[in-house]
Amino acid sequence: MNSPELDALTIQKMASGHLCLNLSERVAWEGFPDFAEKFLQATGGEIVKKTDGPDMRLWNVRIDESDLILVFDDFPVMISLESSDRAGDIVIERLEQQLSREAN
């Protein structure tokens, strides 16, 4: 996989009980679209819908037939991939393992 730089690769459980895969804390607001494009290209994902707010970007994406949200938050700066169901959790766990192997 030819993925972008992933400097914060960790999984966290969110308040919803579903998983969040932290990806990077070094990408600025302006760099998010390029990062997202490279990440989705590397993971076989596609953009479904883009929502950009004043301090956060929430892009609905589909990876392996699962709907996820690629999030850019500017305080603290973090790009993450969030799940809202068990199928998404499974995709996040698989991606974390795959990306961790490739980083080493």
PDB file of N, CA and C in Angstrom:
ATOM      1  N   MET A   1       0.853  -1.175   0.000  1.00  0.00           N
ATOM      2  CA  MET A   1       0.000   0.000   0.000  1.00  0.00           C
ATOM      3  C   MET A   1       0.894   1.232   0.000  1.00  0.00           C
ATOM      4  N   ASN A   2       0.636   2.154  -0.879  1.00  0.00           N
ATOM      5  CA  ASN A   2       1.399   3.391  -0.952  1.00  0.00           C
ATOM      6  C   ASN A   2       0.611   4.486  -0.239  1.00  0.00           C
ATOM      7  N   SER A   3       0.647   4.468   1.090  1.00  0.00           N
ATOM      8  CA  SER A   3      -0.182   5.377   1.876  1.00  0.00           C
ATOM      9  C   SER A   3       0.591   6.632   2.258  1.00  0.00           C
ATOM     10  N   PRO A   4      -0.116   7.689   2.638  1.00  0.00           N
ATOM     11  CA  PRO A   4       0.548   8.904   3.096  1.00  0.00           C
ATOM     12  C   PRO A   4       1.221   8.669   4.445  1.00  0.00           C
ATOM     13  N   GLU A   5       1.995   9.643   4.905  1.00  0.00           N
ATOM     14  CA  GLU A   5       2.676   9.518   6.197  1.00  0.00           C
ATOM     15  C   GLU A   5       1.654   9.395   7.325  1.00  0.00           C
ATOM     16  N   LEU A   6       1.790   8.339   8.102  1.00  0.00           N
ATOM     17  CA  LEU A   6       0.879   8.063   9.213  1.00  0.00           C
ATOM     18  C   LEU A   6       1.686   8.125  10.501  1.00  0.00           C
ATOM     19  N   ASP A   7       1.656   9.275  11.175  1.00  0.00           N
ATOM     20  CA  ASP A   7       2.511   9.486  12.331  1.00  0.00           C
ATOM     21  C   ASP A   7       1.797   9.280  13.665  1.00  0.00           C
ATOM     22  N   ALA A   8       0.517   8.943  13.640  1.00  0.00           N
ATOM     23  CA  ALA A   8      -0.239   8.812  14.899  1.00  0.00           C
ATOM     24  C   ALA A   8      -1.076   7.537  14.905  1.00  0.00           C
ATOM     25  N   LEU A   9      -0.585   6.488  14.294  1.00  0.00           N
ATOM     26  CA  LEU A   9      -1.356   5.267  14.046  1.00  0.00           C
ATOM     27  C   LEU A   9      -1.696   4.522  15.338  1.00  0.00           C
ATOM     28  N   THR A  10      -2.887   4.786  15.853  1.00  0.00           N
ATOM     29  CA  THR A  10      -3.389   4.103  17.048  1.00  0.00           C
ATOM     30  C   THR A  10      -4.905   3.971  16.947  1.00  0.00           C
ATOM     31  N   ILE A  11      -5.431   2.938  17.602  1.00  0.00           N
ATOM     32  CA  ILE A  11      -6.877   2.747  17.671  1.00  0.00           C
ATOM     33  C   ILE A  11      -7.355   3.178  19.049  1.00  0.00           C
ATOM     34  N   GLN A  12      -8.485   3.875  19.074  1.00  0.00           N
ATOM     35  CA  GLN A  12      -9.123   4.258  20.331  1.00  0.00           C
ATOM     36  C   GLN A  12     -10.600   3.880  20.262  1.00  0.00           C
ATOM     37  N   LYS A  13     -11.163   3.578  21.417  1.00  0.00           N
ATOM     38  CA  LYS A  13     -12.597   3.358  21.499  1.00  0.00           C
ATOM     39  C   LYS A  13     -13.254   4.697  21.796  1.00  0.00           C
ATOM     40  N   MET A  14     -14.264   5.052  21.006  1.00  0.00           N
ATOM     41  CA  MET A  14     -14.968   6.320  21.193  1.00  0.00           C
ATOM     42  C   MET A  14     -16.095   6.139  22.215  1.00  0.00           C
ATOM     43  N   ALA A  15     -16.712   7.235  22.619  1.00  0.00           N
ATOM     44  CA  ALA A  15     -17.822   7.199  23.572  1.00  0.00           C
ATOM     45  C   ALA A  15     -18.971   6.329  23.065  1.00  0.00           C
ATOM     46  N   SER A  16     -19.125   6.251  21.750  1.00  0.00           N
ATOM     47  CA  SER A  16     -20.179   5.432  21.146  1.00  0.00           C
ATOM     48  C   SER A  16     -19.927   3.942  21.318  1.00  0.00           C
ATOM     49  N   GLY A  17     -18.690   3.588  21.699  1.00  0.00           N
ATOM     50  CA  GLY A  17     -18.302   2.180  21.799  1.00  0.00           C
ATOM     51  C   GLY A  17     -17.654   1.655  20.534  1.00  0.00           C
ATOM     52  N   HIS A  18     -17.675   2.463  19.475  1.00  0.00           N
ATOM     53  CA  HIS A  18     -17.047   2.054  18.220  1.00  0.00           C
ATOM     54  C   HIS A  18     -15.629   2.598  18.139  1.00  0.00           C
ATOM     55  N   LEU A  19     -14.922   2.176  17.099  1.00  0.00           N
ATOM     56  CA  LEU A  19     -13.496   2.468  17.017  1.00  0.00           C
ATOM     57  C   LEU A  19     -13.162   3.684  16.167  1.00  0.00           C
ATOM     58  N   CYS A  20     -12.041   4.278  16.521  1.00  0.00           N
ATOM     59  CA  CYS A  20     -11.467   5.418  15.820  1.00  0.00           C
ATOM     60  C   CYS A  20      -9.993   5.077  15.564  1.00  0.00           C
ATOM     61  N   LEU A  21      -9.562   5.210  14.331  1.00  0.00           N
ATOM     62  CA  LEU A  21      -8.165   4.984  13.977  1.00  0.00           C
ATOM     63  C   LEU A  21      -7.505   6.337  13.746  1.00  0.00           C
ATOM     64  N   ASN A  22      -6.638   6.748  14.681  1.00  0.00           N
ATOM     65  CA  ASN A  22      -5.886   7.992  14.507  1.00  0.00           C
ATOM     66  C   ASN A  22      -4.843   7.767  13.425  1.00  0.00           C
ATOM     67  N   LEU A  23      -4.704   8.751  12.538  1.00  0.00           N
ATOM     68  CA  LEU A  23      -3.804   8.604  11.393  1.00  0.00           C
ATOM     69  C   LEU A  23      -2.643   9.579  11.417  1.00  0.00           C
ATOM     70  N   SER A  24      -2.922  10.869  11.585  1.00  0.00           N
ATOM     71  CA  SER A  24      -1.841  11.855  11.523  1.00  0.00           C
ATOM     72  C   SER A  24      -2.186  13.093  12.339  1.00  0.00           C
ATOM     73  N   GLU A  25      -1.158  13.645  12.986  1.00  0.00           N
ATOM     74  CA  GLU A  25      -1.312  14.918  13.682  1.00  0.00           C
ATOM     75  C   GLU A  25      -0.366  15.966  13.112  1.00  0.00           C
ATOM     76  N   ARG A  26       0.091  15.748  11.897  1.00  0.00           N
ATOM     77  CA  ARG A  26       1.029  16.677  11.263  1.00  0.00           C
ATOM     78  C   ARG A  26       0.481  17.326   9.997  1.00  0.00           C
ATOM     79  N   VAL A  27      -0.735  17.024   9.636  1.00  0.00           N
ATOM     80  CA  VAL A  27      -1.307  17.554   8.395  1.00  0.00           C
ATOM     81  C   VAL A  27      -2.159  18.775   8.725  1.00  0.00           C
ATOM     82  N   ALA A  28      -1.904  19.862   8.018  1.00  0.00           N
ATOM     83  CA  ALA A  28      -2.659  21.106   8.224  1.00  0.00           C
ATOM     84  C   ALA A  28      -3.971  21.065   7.448  1.00  0.00           C
ATOM     85  N   TRP A  29      -4.833  22.012   7.762  1.00  0.00           N
ATOM     86  CA  TRP A  29      -6.155  22.139   7.109  1.00  0.00           C
ATOM     87  C   TRP A  29      -6.023  22.055   5.587  1.00  0.00           C
ATOM     88  N   GLU A  30      -5.085  22.819   5.031  1.00  0.00           N
ATOM     89  CA  GLU A  30      -4.914  22.875   3.578  1.00  0.00           C
ATOM     90  C   GLU A  30      -4.437  21.546   3.005  1.00  0.00           C
ATOM     91  N   GLY A  31      -3.729  20.754   3.811  1.00  0.00           N
ATOM     92  CA  GLY A  31      -3.183  19.485   3.334  1.00  0.00           C
ATOM     93  C   GLY A  31      -4.139  18.313   3.444  1.00  0.00           C
ATOM     94  N   PHE A  32      -5.264  18.521   4.122  1.00  0.00           N
ATOM     95  CA  PHE A  32      -6.197  17.408   4.335  1.00  0.00           C
ATOM     96  C   PHE A  32      -6.724  16.788   3.039  1.00  0.00           C
ATOM     97  N   PRO A  33      -7.168  17.577   2.053  1.00  0.00           N
ATOM     98  CA  PRO A  33      -7.670  16.945   0.830  1.00  0.00           C
ATOM     99  C   PRO A  33      -6.653  16.032   0.144  1.00  0.00           C
ATOM    100  N   ASP A  34      -5.394  16.460   0.068  1.00  0.00           N
ATOM    101  CA  ASP A  34      -4.358  15.616  -0.545  1.00  0.00           C
ATOM    102  C   ASP A  34      -4.123  14.359   0.286  1.00  0.00           C
ATOM    103  N   PHE A  35      -4.060  14.528   1.614  1.00  0.00           N
ATOM    104  CA  PHE A  35      -3.889  13.385   2.500  1.00  0.00           C
ATOM    105  C   PHE A  35      -5.042  12.404   2.296  1.00  0.00           C
ATOM    106  N   ALA A  36      -6.265  12.912   2.299  1.00  0.00           N
ATOM    107  CA  ALA A  36      -7.447  12.055   2.155  1.00  0.00           C
ATOM    108  C   ALA A  36      -7.416  11.298   0.835  1.00  0.00           C
ATOM    109  N   GLU A  37      -7.058  11.993  -0.228  1.00  0.00           N
ATOM    110  CA  GLU A  37      -6.997  11.350  -1.541  1.00  0.00           C
ATOM    111  C   GLU A  37      -5.977  10.209  -1.554  1.00  0.00           C
ATOM    112  N   LYS A  38      -4.785  10.462  -1.025  1.00  0.00           N
ATOM    113  CA  LYS A  38      -3.750   9.430  -0.985  1.00  0.00           C
ATOM    114  C   LYS A  38      -4.163   8.263  -0.091  1.00  0.00           C
ATOM    115  N   PHE A  39      -4.746   8.575   1.058  1.00  0.00           N
ATOM    116  CA  PHE A  39      -5.178   7.523   1.985  1.00  0.00           C
ATOM    117  C   PHE A  39      -6.254   6.645   1.351  1.00  0.00           C
ATOM    118  N   LEU A  40      -7.234   7.267   0.724  1.00  0.00           N
ATOM    119  CA  LEU A  40      -8.317   6.495   0.116  1.00  0.00           C
ATOM    120  C   LEU A  40      -7.831   5.706  -1.095  1.00  0.00           C
ATOM    121  N   GLN A  41      -6.921   6.266  -1.843  1.00  0.00           N
ATOM    122  CA  GLN A  41      -6.348   5.537  -2.969  1.00  0.00           C
ATOM    123  C   GLN A  41      -5.594   4.299  -2.467  1.00  0.00           C
ATOM    124  N   ALA A  42      -4.854   4.464  -1.380  1.00  0.00           N
ATOM    125  CA  ALA A  42      -4.068   3.367  -0.821  1.00  0.00           C
ATOM    126  C   ALA A  42      -4.938   2.282  -0.188  1.00  0.00           C
ATOM    127  N   THR A  43      -6.118   2.664   0.300  1.00  0.00           N
ATOM    128  CA  THR A  43      -6.977   1.703   0.995  1.00  0.00           C
ATOM    129  C   THR A  43      -8.136   1.220   0.138  1.00  0.00           C
ATOM    130  N   GLY A  44      -8.215   1.681  -1.101  1.00  0.00           N
ATOM    131  CA  GLY A  44      -9.315   1.284  -1.974  1.00  0.00           C
ATOM    132  C   GLY A  44     -10.632   1.936  -1.607  1.00  0.00           C
ATOM    133  N   GLY A  45     -10.561   3.066  -0.908  1.00  0.00           N
ATOM    134  CA  GLY A  45     -11.773   3.751  -0.473  1.00  0.00           C
ATOM    135  C   GLY A  45     -12.242   4.799  -1.454  1.00  0.00           C
ATOM    136  N   GLU A  46     -13.442   5.311  -1.187  1.00  0.00           N
ATOM    137  CA  GLU A  46     -14.003   6.359  -2.021  1.00  0.00           C
ATOM    138  C   GLU A  46     -14.744   7.368  -1.149  1.00  0.00           C
ATOM    139  N   ILE A  47     -14.780   8.603  -1.619  1.00  0.00           N
ATOM    140  CA  ILE A  47     -15.501   9.662  -0.920  1.00  0.00           C
ATOM    141  C   ILE A  47     -16.975   9.571  -1.293  1.00  0.00           C
ATOM    142  N   VAL A  48     -17.828   9.606  -0.282  1.00  0.00           N
ATOM    143  CA  VAL A  48     -19.271   9.582  -0.496  1.00  0.00           C
ATOM    144  C   VAL A  48     -19.844  10.996  -0.370  1.00  0.00           C
ATOM    145  N   LYS A  49     -19.376  11.736   0.643  1.00  0.00           N
ATOM    146  CA  LYS A  49     -19.890  13.086   0.897  1.00  0.00           C
ATOM    147  C   LYS A  49     -18.851  13.871   1.686  1.00  0.00           C
ATOM    148  N   LYS A  50     -18.696  15.151   1.348  1.00  0.00           N
ATOM    149  CA  LYS A  50     -17.771  16.031   2.061  1.00  0.00           C
ATOM    150  C   LYS A  50     -18.556  17.078   2.851  1.00  0.00           C
ATOM    151  N   THR A  51     -18.219  17.222   4.129  1.00  0.00           N
ATOM    152  CA  THR A  51     -18.785  18.279   4.957  1.00  0.00           C
ATOM    153  C   THR A  51     -17.623  19.015   5.614  1.00  0.00           C
ATOM    154  N   ASP A  52     -17.471  20.292   5.279  1.00  0.00           N
ATOM    155  CA  ASP A  52     -16.392  21.104   5.833  1.00  0.00           C
ATOM    156  C   ASP A  52     -16.983  22.204   6.700  1.00  0.00           C
ATOM    157  N   GLY A  53     -16.556  22.263   7.964  1.00  0.00           N
ATOM    158  CA  GLY A  53     -16.979  23.322   8.875  1.00  0.00           C
ATOM    159  C   GLY A  53     -15.816  24.248   9.157  1.00  0.00           C
ATOM    160  N   PRO A  54     -15.993  25.198  10.056  1.00  0.00           N
ATOM    161  CA  PRO A  54     -14.926  26.161  10.334  1.00  0.00           C
ATOM    162  C   PRO A  54     -13.716  25.561  11.049  1.00  0.00           C
ATOM    163  N   ASP A  55     -13.893  24.481  11.806  1.00  0.00           N
ATOM    164  CA  ASP A  55     -12.770  23.900  12.547  1.00  0.00           C
ATOM    165  C   ASP A  55     -12.676  22.385  12.398  1.00  0.00           C
ATOM    166  N   MET A  56     -13.509  21.814  11.535  1.00  0.00           N
ATOM    167  CA  MET A  56     -13.542  20.364  11.397  1.00  0.00           C
ATOM    168  C   MET A  56     -14.004  20.005   9.983  1.00  0.00           C
ATOM    169  N   ARG A  57     -13.443  18.928   9.478  1.00  0.00           N
ATOM    170  CA  ARG A  57     -13.891  18.379   8.201  1.00  0.00           C
ATOM    171  C   ARG A  57     -14.356  16.955   8.469  1.00  0.00           C
ATOM    172  N   LEU A  58     -15.543  16.620   7.998  1.00  0.00           N
ATOM    173  CA  LEU A  58     -16.106  15.277   8.147  1.00  0.00           C
ATOM    174  C   LEU A  58     -16.430  14.765   6.753  1.00  0.00           C
ATOM    175  N   TRP A  59     -15.631  13.834   6.293  1.00  0.00           N
ATOM    176  CA  TRP A  59     -15.857  13.277   4.964  1.00  0.00           C
ATOM    177  C   TRP A  59     -16.344  11.843   5.123  1.00  0.00           C
ATOM    178  N   ASN A  60     -17.556  11.592   4.656  1.00  0.00           N
ATOM    179  CA  ASN A  60     -18.093  10.240   4.653  1.00  0.00           C
ATOM    180  C   ASN A  60     -17.391   9.481   3.546  1.00  0.00           C
ATOM    181  N   VAL A  61     -16.826   8.335   3.910  1.00  0.00           N
ATOM    182  CA  VAL A  61     -16.088   7.521   2.951  1.00  0.00           C
ATOM    183  C   VAL A  61     -16.575   6.080   3.036  1.00  0.00           C
ATOM    184  N   ARG A  62     -16.264   5.320   2.005  1.00  0.00           N
ATOM    185  CA  ARG A  62     -16.598   3.895   1.991  1.00  0.00           C
ATOM    186  C   ARG A  62     -15.320   3.116   1.702  1.00  0.00           C
ATOM    187  N   ILE A  63     -14.999   2.202   2.607  1.00  0.00           N
ATOM    188  CA  ILE A  63     -13.844   1.316   2.449  1.00  0.00           C
ATOM    189  C   ILE A  63     -14.336  -0.092   2.689  1.00  0.00           C
ATOM    190  N   ASP A  64     -14.053  -0.998   1.767  1.00  0.00           N
ATOM    191  CA  ASP A  64     -14.492  -2.391   1.878  1.00  0.00           C
ATOM    192  C   ASP A  64     -15.990  -2.490   2.173  1.00  0.00           C
ATOM    193  N   GLU A  65     -16.766  -1.690   1.472  1.00  0.00           N
ATOM    194  CA  GLU A  65     -18.227  -1.683   1.591  1.00  0.00           C
ATOM    195  C   GLU A  65     -18.727  -1.241   2.963  1.00  0.00           C
ATOM    196  N   SER A  66     -17.870  -0.637   3.761  1.00  0.00           N
ATOM    197  CA  SER A  66     -18.276  -0.099   5.068  1.00  0.00           C
ATOM    198  C   SER A  66     -18.242   1.422   5.025  1.00  0.00           C
ATOM    199  N   ASP A  67     -19.262   2.027   5.609  1.00  0.00           N
ATOM    200  CA  ASP A  67     -19.329   3.482   5.686  1.00  0.00           C
ATOM    201  C   ASP A  67     -18.594   3.955   6.934  1.00  0.00           C
ATOM    202  N   LEU A  68     -17.639   4.867   6.720  1.00  0.00           N
ATOM    203  CA  LEU A  68     -16.801   5.407   7.784  1.00  0.00           C
ATOM    204  C   LEU A  68     -16.739   6.921   7.618  1.00  0.00           C
ATOM    205  N   ILE A  69     -16.170   7.601   8.606  1.00  0.00           N
ATOM    206  CA  ILE A  69     -15.998   9.044   8.508  1.00  0.00           C
ATOM    207  C   ILE A  69     -14.519   9.374   8.671  1.00  0.00           C
ATOM    208  N   LEU A  70     -13.959  10.049   7.671  1.00  0.00           N
ATOM    209  CA  LEU A  70     -12.596  10.545   7.735  1.00  0.00           C
ATOM    210  C   LEU A  70     -12.691  11.959   8.288  1.00  0.00           C
ATOM    211  N   VAL A  71     -12.065  12.181   9.446  1.00  0.00           N
ATOM    212  CA  VAL A  71     -12.243  13.420  10.199  1.00  0.00           C
ATOM    213  C   VAL A  71     -10.930  14.199  10.281  1.00  0.00           C
ATOM    214  N   PHE A  72     -11.010  15.512  10.013  1.00  0.00           N
ATOM    215  CA  PHE A  72      -9.915  16.425  10.314  1.00  0.00           C
ATOM    216  C   PHE A  72     -10.418  17.351  11.402  1.00  0.00           C
ATOM    217  N   ASP A  73      -9.717  17.370  12.521  1.00  0.00           N
ATOM    218  CA  ASP A  73     -10.046  18.278  13.628  1.00  0.00           C
ATOM    219  C   ASP A  73      -8.838  19.174  13.835  1.00  0.00           C
ATOM    220  N   ASP A  74      -9.062  20.487  13.979  1.00  0.00           N
ATOM    221  CA  ASP A  74      -7.909  21.385  14.080  1.00  0.00           C
ATOM    222  C   ASP A  74      -7.480  21.706  15.506  1.00  0.00           C
ATOM    223  N   PHE A  75      -8.171  21.188  16.530  1.00  0.00           N
ATOM    224  CA  PHE A  75      -7.697  21.416  17.901  1.00  0.00           C
ATOM    225  C   PHE A  75      -8.054  20.250  18.796  1.00  0.00           C
ATOM    226  N   PRO A  76      -7.116  19.438  19.184  1.00  0.00           N
ATOM    227  CA  PRO A  76      -5.759  19.406  18.617  1.00  0.00           C
ATOM    228  C   PRO A  76      -5.800  18.826  17.212  1.00  0.00           C
ATOM    229  N   VAL A  77      -4.819  19.181  16.404  1.00  0.00           N
ATOM    230  CA  VAL A  77      -4.785  18.705  15.025  1.00  0.00           C
ATOM    231  C   VAL A  77      -4.712  17.185  15.005  1.00  0.00           C
ATOM    232  N   MET A  78      -5.679  16.566  14.304  1.00  0.00           N
ATOM    233  CA  MET A  78      -5.695  15.109  14.172  1.00  0.00           C
ATOM    234  C   MET A  78      -6.564  14.726  12.989  1.00  0.00           C
ATOM    235  N   ILE A  79      -6.067  13.796  12.208  1.00  0.00           N
ATOM    236  CA  ILE A  79      -6.877  13.152  11.183  1.00  0.00           C
ATOM    237  C   ILE A  79      -7.151  11.749  11.686  1.00  0.00           C
ATOM    238  N   SER A  80      -8.420  11.362  11.654  1.00  0.00           N
ATOM    239  CA  SER A  80      -8.794  10.039  12.129  1.00  0.00           C
ATOM    240  C   SER A  80      -9.882   9.454  11.244  1.00  0.00           C
ATOM    241  N   LEU A  81     -10.030   8.141  11.344  1.00  0.00           N
ATOM    242  CA  LEU A  81     -11.055   7.398  10.623  1.00  0.00           C
ATOM    243  C   LEU A  81     -11.977   6.807  11.675  1.00  0.00           C
ATOM    244  N   GLU A  82     -13.272   7.140  11.610  1.00  0.00           N
ATOM    245  CA  GLU A  82     -14.210   6.741  12.653  1.00  0.00           C
ATOM    246  C   GLU A  82     -15.276   5.794  12.126  1.00  0.00           C
ATOM    247  N   SER A  83     -15.640   4.865  12.978  1.00  0.00           N
ATOM    248  CA  SER A  83     -16.653   3.865  12.661  1.00  0.00           C
ATOM    249  C   SER A  83     -17.937   4.166  13.419  1.00  0.00           C
ATOM    250  N   SER A  84     -19.052   3.695  12.861  1.00  0.00           N
ATOM    251  CA  SER A  84     -20.330   3.833  13.564  1.00  0.00           C
ATOM    252  C   SER A  84     -21.059   2.500  13.699  1.00  0.00           C
ATOM    253  N   ASP A  85     -20.381   1.396  13.326  1.00  0.00           N
ATOM    254  CA  ASP A  85     -20.998   0.078  13.477  1.00  0.00           C
ATOM    255  C   ASP A  85     -19.919  -1.008  13.536  1.00  0.00           C
ATOM    256  N   ARG A  86     -20.327  -2.222  13.809  1.00  0.00           N
ATOM    257  CA  ARG A  86     -19.367  -3.333  13.971  1.00  0.00           C
ATOM    258  C   ARG A  86     -18.600  -3.614  12.679  1.00  0.00           C
ATOM    259  N   ALA A  87     -19.263  -3.515  11.539  1.00  0.00           N
ATOM    260  CA  ALA A  87     -18.569  -3.749  10.263  1.00  0.00           C
ATOM    261  C   ALA A  87     -17.443  -2.730  10.079  1.00  0.00           C
ATOM    262  N   GLY A  88     -17.698  -1.486  10.435  1.00  0.00           N
ATOM    263  CA  GLY A  88     -16.666  -0.456  10.359  1.00  0.00           C
ATOM    264  C   GLY A  88     -15.534  -0.709  11.332  1.00  0.00           C
ATOM    265  N   ASP A  89     -15.874  -1.200  12.542  1.00  0.00           N
ATOM    266  CA  ASP A  89     -14.842  -1.548  13.523  1.00  0.00           C
ATOM    267  C   ASP A  89     -13.893  -2.602  12.960  1.00  0.00           C
ATOM    268  N   ILE A  90     -14.449  -3.577  12.273  1.00  0.00           N
ATOM    269  CA  ILE A  90     -13.634  -4.651  11.685  1.00  0.00           C
ATOM    270  C   ILE A  90     -12.700  -4.084  10.620  1.00  0.00           C
ATOM    271  N   VAL A  91     -13.206  -3.173   9.793  1.00  0.00           N
ATOM    272  CA  VAL A  91     -12.371  -2.531   8.767  1.00  0.00           C
ATOM    273  C   VAL A  91     -11.245  -1.742   9.431  1.00  0.00           C
ATOM    274  N   ILE A  92     -11.559  -1.000  10.473  1.00  0.00           N
ATOM    275  CA  ILE A  92     -10.546  -0.207  11.179  1.00  0.00           C
ATOM    276  C   ILE A  92      -9.481  -1.115  11.787  1.00  0.00           C
ATOM    277  N   GLU A  93      -9.872  -2.205  12.419  1.00  0.00           N
ATOM    278  CA  GLU A  93      -8.893  -3.136  13.005  1.00  0.00           C
ATOM    279  C   GLU A  93      -7.988  -3.719  11.927  1.00  0.00           C
ATOM    280  N   ARG A  94      -8.565  -4.093  10.789  1.00  0.00           N
ATOM    281  CA  ARG A  94      -7.775  -4.659   9.691  1.00  0.00           C
ATOM    282  C   ARG A  94      -6.814  -3.615   9.121  1.00  0.00           C
ATOM    283  N   LEU A  95      -7.306  -2.392   8.924  1.00  0.00           N
ATOM    284  CA  LEU A  95      -6.446  -1.332   8.389  1.00  0.00           C
ATOM    285  C   LEU A  95      -5.290  -1.019   9.328  1.00  0.00           C
ATOM    286  N   GLU A  96      -5.566  -0.958  10.626  1.00  0.00           N
ATOM    287  CA  GLU A  96      -4.501  -0.662  11.592  1.00  0.00           C
ATOM    288  C   GLU A  96      -3.412  -1.725  11.524  1.00  0.00           C
ATOM    289  N   GLN A  97      -3.793  -2.988  11.444  1.00  0.00           N
ATOM    290  CA  GLN A  97      -2.803  -4.068  11.351  1.00  0.00           C
ATOM    291  C   GLN A  97      -2.005  -3.964  10.056  1.00  0.00           C
ATOM    292  N   GLN A  98      -2.704  -3.733   8.957  1.00  0.00           N
ATOM    293  CA  GLN A  98      -2.055  -3.645   7.654  1.00  0.00           C
ATOM    294  C   GLN A  98      -1.110  -2.444   7.591  1.00  0.00           C
ATOM    295  N   LEU A  99      -1.565  -1.301   8.036  1.00  0.00           N
ATOM    296  CA  LEU A  99      -0.742  -0.091   7.989  1.00  0.00           C
ATOM    297  C   LEU A  99       0.445  -0.167   8.943  1.00  0.00           C
ATOM    298  N   SER A 100       0.246  -0.786  10.107  1.00  0.00           N
ATOM    299  CA  SER A 100       1.358  -0.966  11.059  1.00  0.00           C
ATOM    300  C   SER A 100       2.434  -1.864  10.484  1.00  0.00           C
ATOM    301  N   ARG A 101       2.038  -2.934   9.816  1.00  0.00           N
ATOM    302  CA  ARG A 101       3.019  -3.839   9.177  1.00  0.00           C
ATOM    303  C   ARG A 101       3.821  -3.098   8.119  1.00  0.00           C
ATOM    304  N   GLU A 102       3.143  -2.299   7.337  1.00  0.00           N
ATOM    305  CA  GLU A 102       3.820  -1.574   6.248  1.00  0.00           C
ATOM    306  C   GLU A 102       4.734  -0.472   6.770  1.00  0.00           C
ATOM    307  N   ALA A 103       4.425   0.072   7.940  1.00  0.00           N
ATOM    308  CA  ALA A 103       5.260   1.133   8.525  1.00  0.00           C
ATOM    309  C   ALA A 103       6.566   0.563   9.057  1.00  0.00           C
ATOM    310  N   ASN A 104       6.585  -0.721   9.384  1.00  0.00           N
ATOM    311  CA  ASN A 104       7.801  -1.345   9.966  1.00  0.00           C
ATOM    312  C   ASN A 104       8.671  -1.973   8.923  1.00  0.00           C
TER     313      ASN A 104
END
